[in-house]
Amino acid sequence: MSAAAVTDAAWRQLHDAATAPYQKAGQFTYHFARGKLGRDPVFRGLIERGLIGADRRRVLDIGCGQGLFASLLSSMASMQAAGRWPAAWAATPPVADYTGIELMPRDVARAESSIGHLQPTPRFVCADMCSAELPASDLVVILDVLHYVDLDAQEGVLRRVHESLAPGGRMLLRVGDASSRRGFAISQWVDRTVTRIRGHKVSPTWGRALPDWVALLQRLGFKVQSIPMSEGTPFANVLLVADRTG
């Protein structure tokens, strides 16, 4: 079997394992999890690029939704423990101390009812990311969330993330590049549509051009690498890998 076939098979196993618990919360929650994990390139991209790291065990997921990343971390650990992890993939944490922060009570309830049984038990906090206490972390994940708050609030969240990260800690931040007008507009339209479908209020959004995101992170004390992260979609999403330098 080719290396590509091995990783494709492993990804299908991960997809099934990470989404199976959501059946307990109903068909909508389950199919949303399967669609999100299956169609969004960011999750497999994090794994195949080795961006998570086996030693980054204290994980903070800001805007965690129904906790899909927590379920994925658990499924990855189980696959590695069983000796079924592809050699082409870097290891991820064998045990993750996970905290998810989510504003929407419905999503927190879906997370707790679906994956609250995992060990170690993931912690979900229903709170506003702009004011929630951020625990000391080795890895912070913020995917498609910061555009919900204005530019000053975005900087405030990022400043507090930098303070919460251990030296050498990493933030994985996906944002839309507002300089790509068509892709950014499409992503915002889809985001609003999905928000309505999930039963949430649609709020105004704020974007930045990619150079402005990078400059902000560097000013706050991050070393930044940008990776296009919208493959197979019409969006203008970019993953910013931001490591705390001091």
Foldseek 3Di string as FASTA:
>chain_A
DDLVVLVVVVLVQLLCQLLVLLVQVPDVSSVVSSCCSVQFQPPVVCFLVVPADQPFAEEEEEQCFLPSVVSSLLSLLVCVVVVSDRPSTDHHHVHHAAEYEHQDPVRPVSNCSRQCPDPVGYHYHHDDLLDDDDAQGQEYEYEAPLQQDDPVSSLSSLLNVLVSYDAFGKYKYKFAAVVVPVQAVVVLVVVQVVCVVVPHDDGHTDHHHPVVVCVSLVVSAWDWDKDQGQPPHSHRMIIIITTHND
